[in-house]
């Protein structure tokens, strides 16, 4: 059984590794991914569907949101917070999702 460590970067300070923090260690990849999704989803809680355009919401996340990631010795497909955030933006925004 592997160890999956979730770290969190802040998009507002993306080049500053001192802003990074270790959230927790998890026994399974699935549990670590669920925690990462929860962190990203928390950012979008204040937004209502159709409140703003995809582009504006995406910009808000990439500028101010948290960017969790998983570190493990196993070579599994890694969770992408930005991919998950992009999907949440699509769900929350009316009309076609531009990128």
N, C-alpha and C. Protein backbone atom coordinates (compact mmCIF):
# COMPACT_ATOMS: atom_id res chain seq x y z
N UNK A 1 0.86 -1.18 0.00
CA UNK A 1 0.00 0.00 0.00
C UNK A 1 0.90 1.24 0.00
N UNK A 2 0.62 2.15 -0.92
CA UNK A 2 1.42 3.35 -1.06
C UNK A 2 0.97 4.46 -0.13
N UNK A 3 1.79 5.46 -0.04
CA UNK A 3 1.45 6.65 0.73
C UNK A 3 1.25 7.79 -0.26
N UNK A 4 0.15 8.49 -0.15
CA UNK A 4 -0.20 9.58 -1.06
C UNK A 4 -0.25 10.87 -0.24
N UNK A 5 0.64 11.77 -0.55
CA UNK A 5 0.75 13.02 0.21
C UNK A 5 0.14 14.14 -0.63
N UNK A 6 -0.77 14.88 -0.03
CA UNK A 6 -1.39 16.01 -0.70
C UNK A 6 -0.72 17.29 -0.23
N UNK A 7 -0.18 18.03 -1.20
CA UNK A 7 0.38 19.35 -0.97
C UNK A 7 -0.53 20.35 -1.67
N UNK A 8 -0.50 21.58 -1.20
CA UNK A 8 -1.35 22.62 -1.79
C UNK A 8 -0.51 23.86 -2.07
N UNK A 9 -0.55 24.28 -3.33
CA UNK A 9 0.04 25.55 -3.74
C UNK A 9 -1.07 26.59 -3.85
N UNK A 10 -0.69 27.84 -3.78
CA UNK A 10 -1.64 28.93 -3.95
C UNK A 10 -1.36 29.58 -5.30
N UNK A 11 -2.36 29.60 -6.19
CA UNK A 11 -2.16 30.17 -7.52
C UNK A 11 -1.73 31.63 -7.46
N UNK A 12 -2.12 32.35 -6.43
CA UNK A 12 -1.73 33.76 -6.31
C UNK A 12 -0.23 33.90 -6.06
N UNK A 13 0.38 32.84 -5.54
CA UNK A 13 1.81 32.86 -5.24
C UNK A 13 2.48 31.63 -5.87
N UNK A 14 2.15 31.38 -7.14
CA UNK A 14 2.55 30.14 -7.82
C UNK A 14 4.06 29.90 -7.86
N UNK A 15 4.85 30.91 -7.86
CA UNK A 15 6.31 30.74 -7.93
C UNK A 15 6.96 30.71 -6.55
N UNK A 16 6.16 30.85 -5.51
CA UNK A 16 6.66 30.93 -4.15
C UNK A 16 6.43 29.62 -3.42
N UNK A 17 7.45 28.77 -3.37
CA UNK A 17 7.31 27.48 -2.71
C UNK A 17 7.12 27.60 -1.21
N UNK A 18 7.42 28.74 -0.63
CA UNK A 18 7.19 28.92 0.80
C UNK A 18 5.70 29.04 1.11
N UNK A 19 4.88 29.30 0.09
CA UNK A 19 3.44 29.37 0.28
C UNK A 19 2.80 27.99 0.24
N UNK A 20 3.55 26.99 -0.17
CA UNK A 20 3.06 25.61 -0.27
C UNK A 20 2.93 25.02 1.13
N UNK A 21 1.88 24.21 1.31
CA UNK A 21 1.77 23.49 2.58
C UNK A 21 1.38 22.04 2.34
N UNK A 22 1.79 21.21 3.27
CA UNK A 22 1.43 19.79 3.24
C UNK A 22 0.11 19.64 3.97
N UNK A 23 -0.90 19.16 3.27
CA UNK A 23 -2.21 19.01 3.88
C UNK A 23 -2.27 17.74 4.73
N UNK A 24 -2.00 16.58 4.11
CA UNK A 24 -2.11 15.31 4.83
C UNK A 24 -1.57 14.17 3.97
N UNK A 25 -1.41 13.02 4.62
CA UNK A 25 -1.04 11.79 3.93
C UNK A 25 -2.25 10.87 3.92
N UNK A 26 -2.43 10.16 2.81
CA UNK A 26 -3.57 9.26 2.66
C UNK A 26 -3.09 7.87 2.26
N UNK A 27 -3.83 6.86 2.67
CA UNK A 27 -3.46 5.48 2.38
C UNK A 27 -3.79 5.08 0.95
N UNK A 28 -4.80 5.73 0.35
CA UNK A 28 -5.20 5.36 -1.01
C UNK A 28 -5.17 6.58 -1.93
N UNK A 29 -4.93 6.30 -3.19
CA UNK A 29 -4.95 7.34 -4.22
C UNK A 29 -6.34 7.97 -4.31
N UNK A 30 -7.37 7.14 -4.25
CA UNK A 30 -8.75 7.62 -4.38
C UNK A 30 -9.10 8.61 -3.27
N UNK A 31 -8.65 8.36 -2.07
CA UNK A 31 -8.91 9.27 -0.95
C UNK A 31 -8.17 10.58 -1.14
N UNK A 32 -6.95 10.50 -1.62
CA UNK A 32 -6.17 11.72 -1.88
C UNK A 32 -6.83 12.56 -2.97
N UNK A 33 -7.30 11.90 -4.03
CA UNK A 33 -7.98 12.62 -5.12
C UNK A 33 -9.25 13.27 -4.60
N UNK A 34 -10.02 12.56 -3.79
CA UNK A 34 -11.26 13.13 -3.23
C UNK A 34 -10.97 14.39 -2.43
N UNK A 35 -9.88 14.39 -1.67
CA UNK A 35 -9.52 15.58 -0.90
C UNK A 35 -9.11 16.73 -1.82
N UNK A 36 -8.36 16.42 -2.86
CA UNK A 36 -7.96 17.46 -3.81
C UNK A 36 -9.18 18.08 -4.48
N UNK A 37 -10.13 17.25 -4.89
CA UNK A 37 -11.36 17.77 -5.51
C UNK A 37 -12.12 18.65 -4.54
N UNK A 38 -12.17 18.25 -3.29
CA UNK A 38 -12.88 19.04 -2.27
C UNK A 38 -12.26 20.43 -2.13
N UNK A 39 -10.93 20.48 -2.16
CA UNK A 39 -10.23 21.77 -2.04
C UNK A 39 -10.58 22.68 -3.22
N UNK A 40 -10.55 22.13 -4.43
CA UNK A 40 -10.88 22.91 -5.63
C UNK A 40 -12.35 23.32 -5.58
N UNK A 41 -13.23 22.38 -5.24
CA UNK A 41 -14.67 22.67 -5.21
C UNK A 41 -15.00 23.77 -4.20
N UNK A 42 -14.25 23.83 -3.11
CA UNK A 42 -14.49 24.87 -2.10
C UNK A 42 -14.35 26.26 -2.70
N UNK A 43 -13.38 26.43 -3.60
CA UNK A 43 -13.18 27.73 -4.25
C UNK A 43 -14.44 28.17 -4.99
N UNK A 44 -15.13 27.23 -5.61
CA UNK A 44 -16.28 27.56 -6.46
C UNK A 44 -17.60 27.65 -5.70
N UNK A 45 -17.61 27.41 -4.41
CA UNK A 45 -18.85 27.44 -3.62
C UNK A 45 -19.57 28.78 -3.69
N UNK A 46 -18.83 29.86 -3.78
CA UNK A 46 -19.46 31.19 -3.75
C UNK A 46 -20.04 31.61 -5.10
N UNK A 47 -19.77 30.85 -6.14
CA UNK A 47 -20.24 31.21 -7.48
C UNK A 47 -21.54 30.50 -7.82
N UNK A 48 -22.44 31.24 -8.41
CA UNK A 48 -23.73 30.69 -8.84
C UNK A 48 -23.69 30.44 -10.35
N UNK A 49 -24.40 29.41 -10.82
CA UNK A 49 -24.42 29.14 -12.26
C UNK A 49 -24.82 30.37 -13.07
N UNK A 50 -24.07 30.64 -14.13
CA UNK A 50 -24.37 31.77 -15.01
C UNK A 50 -23.96 33.12 -14.46
N UNK A 51 -23.33 33.16 -13.31
CA UNK A 51 -22.95 34.43 -12.68
C UNK A 51 -21.92 35.19 -13.50
N UNK A 52 -21.02 34.47 -14.16
CA UNK A 52 -20.02 35.13 -14.98
C UNK A 52 -19.55 34.18 -16.08
N UNK A 53 -18.78 34.71 -16.99
CA UNK A 53 -18.32 33.93 -18.13
C UNK A 53 -17.27 32.89 -17.70
N UNK A 54 -17.12 31.88 -18.54
CA UNK A 54 -16.08 30.87 -18.31
C UNK A 54 -14.73 31.54 -18.15
N UNK A 55 -14.41 32.44 -19.07
CA UNK A 55 -13.10 33.09 -19.05
C UNK A 55 -12.84 33.81 -17.74
N UNK A 56 -13.83 34.55 -17.25
CA UNK A 56 -13.66 35.31 -16.00
C UNK A 56 -13.52 34.37 -14.80
N UNK A 57 -14.35 33.33 -14.76
CA UNK A 57 -14.29 32.40 -13.64
C UNK A 57 -12.97 31.62 -13.65
N UNK A 58 -12.55 31.20 -14.83
CA UNK A 58 -11.27 30.50 -14.97
C UNK A 58 -10.12 31.40 -14.52
N UNK A 59 -10.17 32.65 -14.91
CA UNK A 59 -9.14 33.61 -14.50
C UNK A 59 -9.12 33.77 -12.98
N UNK A 60 -10.30 33.81 -12.37
CA UNK A 60 -10.37 33.93 -10.91
C UNK A 60 -9.68 32.74 -10.24
N UNK A 61 -9.99 31.53 -10.74
CA UNK A 61 -9.37 30.34 -10.14
C UNK A 61 -7.86 30.34 -10.35
N UNK A 62 -7.41 30.56 -11.56
CA UNK A 62 -5.97 30.47 -11.84
C UNK A 62 -5.19 31.61 -11.18
N UNK A 63 -5.87 32.65 -10.77
CA UNK A 63 -5.22 33.76 -10.09
C UNK A 63 -5.26 33.61 -8.57
N UNK A 64 -6.39 33.12 -8.04
CA UNK A 64 -6.58 33.13 -6.59
C UNK A 64 -6.85 31.77 -5.95
N UNK A 65 -7.14 30.75 -6.73
CA UNK A 65 -7.51 29.45 -6.17
C UNK A 65 -6.33 28.66 -5.63
N UNK A 66 -6.66 27.61 -4.89
CA UNK A 66 -5.63 26.71 -4.40
C UNK A 66 -5.42 25.59 -5.42
N UNK A 67 -4.19 25.10 -5.50
CA UNK A 67 -3.80 24.11 -6.50
C UNK A 67 -3.21 22.88 -5.80
N UNK A 68 -4.11 21.96 -5.35
CA UNK A 68 -3.61 20.77 -4.66
C UNK A 68 -3.00 19.77 -5.64
N UNK A 69 -2.02 19.02 -5.16
CA UNK A 69 -1.43 17.97 -5.98
C UNK A 69 -0.97 16.83 -5.07
N UNK A 70 -0.77 15.67 -5.70
CA UNK A 70 -0.46 14.46 -4.96
C UNK A 70 0.98 14.03 -5.27
N UNK A 71 1.71 13.69 -4.23
CA UNK A 71 3.06 13.16 -4.38
C UNK A 71 3.05 11.72 -3.88
N UNK A 72 3.58 10.82 -4.71
CA UNK A 72 3.62 9.41 -4.35
C UNK A 72 4.75 8.73 -5.12
N UNK A 73 5.25 7.66 -4.57
CA UNK A 73 6.29 6.89 -5.26
C UNK A 73 5.69 6.07 -6.40
N UNK A 74 4.39 5.83 -6.36
CA UNK A 74 3.73 5.06 -7.41
C UNK A 74 3.58 5.89 -8.67
N UNK A 75 3.64 5.23 -9.79
CA UNK A 75 3.53 5.90 -11.09
C UNK A 75 2.10 5.79 -11.62
N UNK A 76 1.16 6.36 -10.88
CA UNK A 76 -0.24 6.39 -11.32
C UNK A 76 -0.50 7.71 -12.03
N UNK A 77 -1.58 7.73 -12.75
CA UNK A 77 -2.00 9.00 -13.36
C UNK A 77 -2.28 9.97 -12.22
N UNK A 78 -1.72 11.15 -12.32
CA UNK A 78 -1.86 12.12 -11.25
C UNK A 78 -3.07 13.02 -11.45
N UNK A 79 -3.64 13.42 -10.35
CA UNK A 79 -4.76 14.35 -10.33
C UNK A 79 -4.30 15.72 -10.81
N UNK A 80 -5.11 16.38 -11.62
CA UNK A 80 -4.82 17.74 -12.07
C UNK A 80 -5.90 18.67 -11.52
N UNK A 81 -5.52 19.52 -10.59
CA UNK A 81 -6.46 20.48 -10.02
C UNK A 81 -6.99 21.41 -11.11
N UNK A 82 -6.12 21.79 -12.05
CA UNK A 82 -6.56 22.70 -13.09
C UNK A 82 -7.58 22.04 -14.01
N UNK A 83 -7.42 20.77 -14.32
CA UNK A 83 -8.42 20.08 -15.13
C UNK A 83 -9.75 20.01 -14.40
N UNK A 84 -9.70 19.70 -13.11
CA UNK A 84 -10.93 19.64 -12.32
C UNK A 84 -11.57 21.03 -12.23
N UNK A 85 -10.78 22.05 -12.02
CA UNK A 85 -11.30 23.42 -11.95
C UNK A 85 -11.92 23.84 -13.28
N UNK A 86 -11.31 23.45 -14.37
CA UNK A 86 -11.85 23.80 -15.69
C UNK A 86 -13.22 23.16 -15.88
N UNK A 87 -13.37 21.92 -15.44
CA UNK A 87 -14.67 21.24 -15.52
C UNK A 87 -15.71 21.95 -14.65
N UNK A 88 -15.31 22.36 -13.47
CA UNK A 88 -16.24 23.10 -12.59
C UNK A 88 -16.64 24.43 -13.24
N UNK A 89 -15.71 25.10 -13.89
CA UNK A 89 -16.03 26.34 -14.60
C UNK A 89 -17.07 26.08 -15.70
N UNK A 90 -16.89 25.02 -16.43
CA UNK A 90 -17.84 24.66 -17.49
C UNK A 90 -19.23 24.41 -16.90
N UNK A 91 -19.27 23.72 -15.78
CA UNK A 91 -20.56 23.42 -15.13
C UNK A 91 -21.26 24.68 -14.65
N UNK A 92 -20.49 25.66 -14.19
CA UNK A 92 -21.07 26.86 -13.59
C UNK A 92 -21.40 27.97 -14.60
N UNK A 93 -20.83 27.88 -15.79
CA UNK A 93 -20.98 28.98 -16.74
C UNK A 93 -21.97 28.61 -17.85
N UNK A 94 -22.84 29.57 -18.14
CA UNK A 94 -23.80 29.38 -19.22
C UNK A 94 -23.10 29.58 -20.57
N UNK A 95 -23.61 28.92 -21.60
CA UNK A 95 -23.06 29.09 -22.95
C UNK A 95 -21.85 28.20 -23.17
N UNK A 96 -21.24 28.28 -24.34
CA UNK A 96 -20.09 27.44 -24.66
C UNK A 96 -18.89 27.80 -23.78
N UNK A 97 -18.14 26.79 -23.46
CA UNK A 97 -16.96 26.99 -22.60
C UNK A 97 -15.75 27.28 -23.45
N UNK A 98 -15.32 28.52 -23.45
CA UNK A 98 -14.10 28.88 -24.16
C UNK A 98 -12.90 28.55 -23.30
N UNK A 99 -11.78 28.41 -23.92
CA UNK A 99 -10.58 28.12 -23.13
C UNK A 99 -9.46 29.04 -23.49
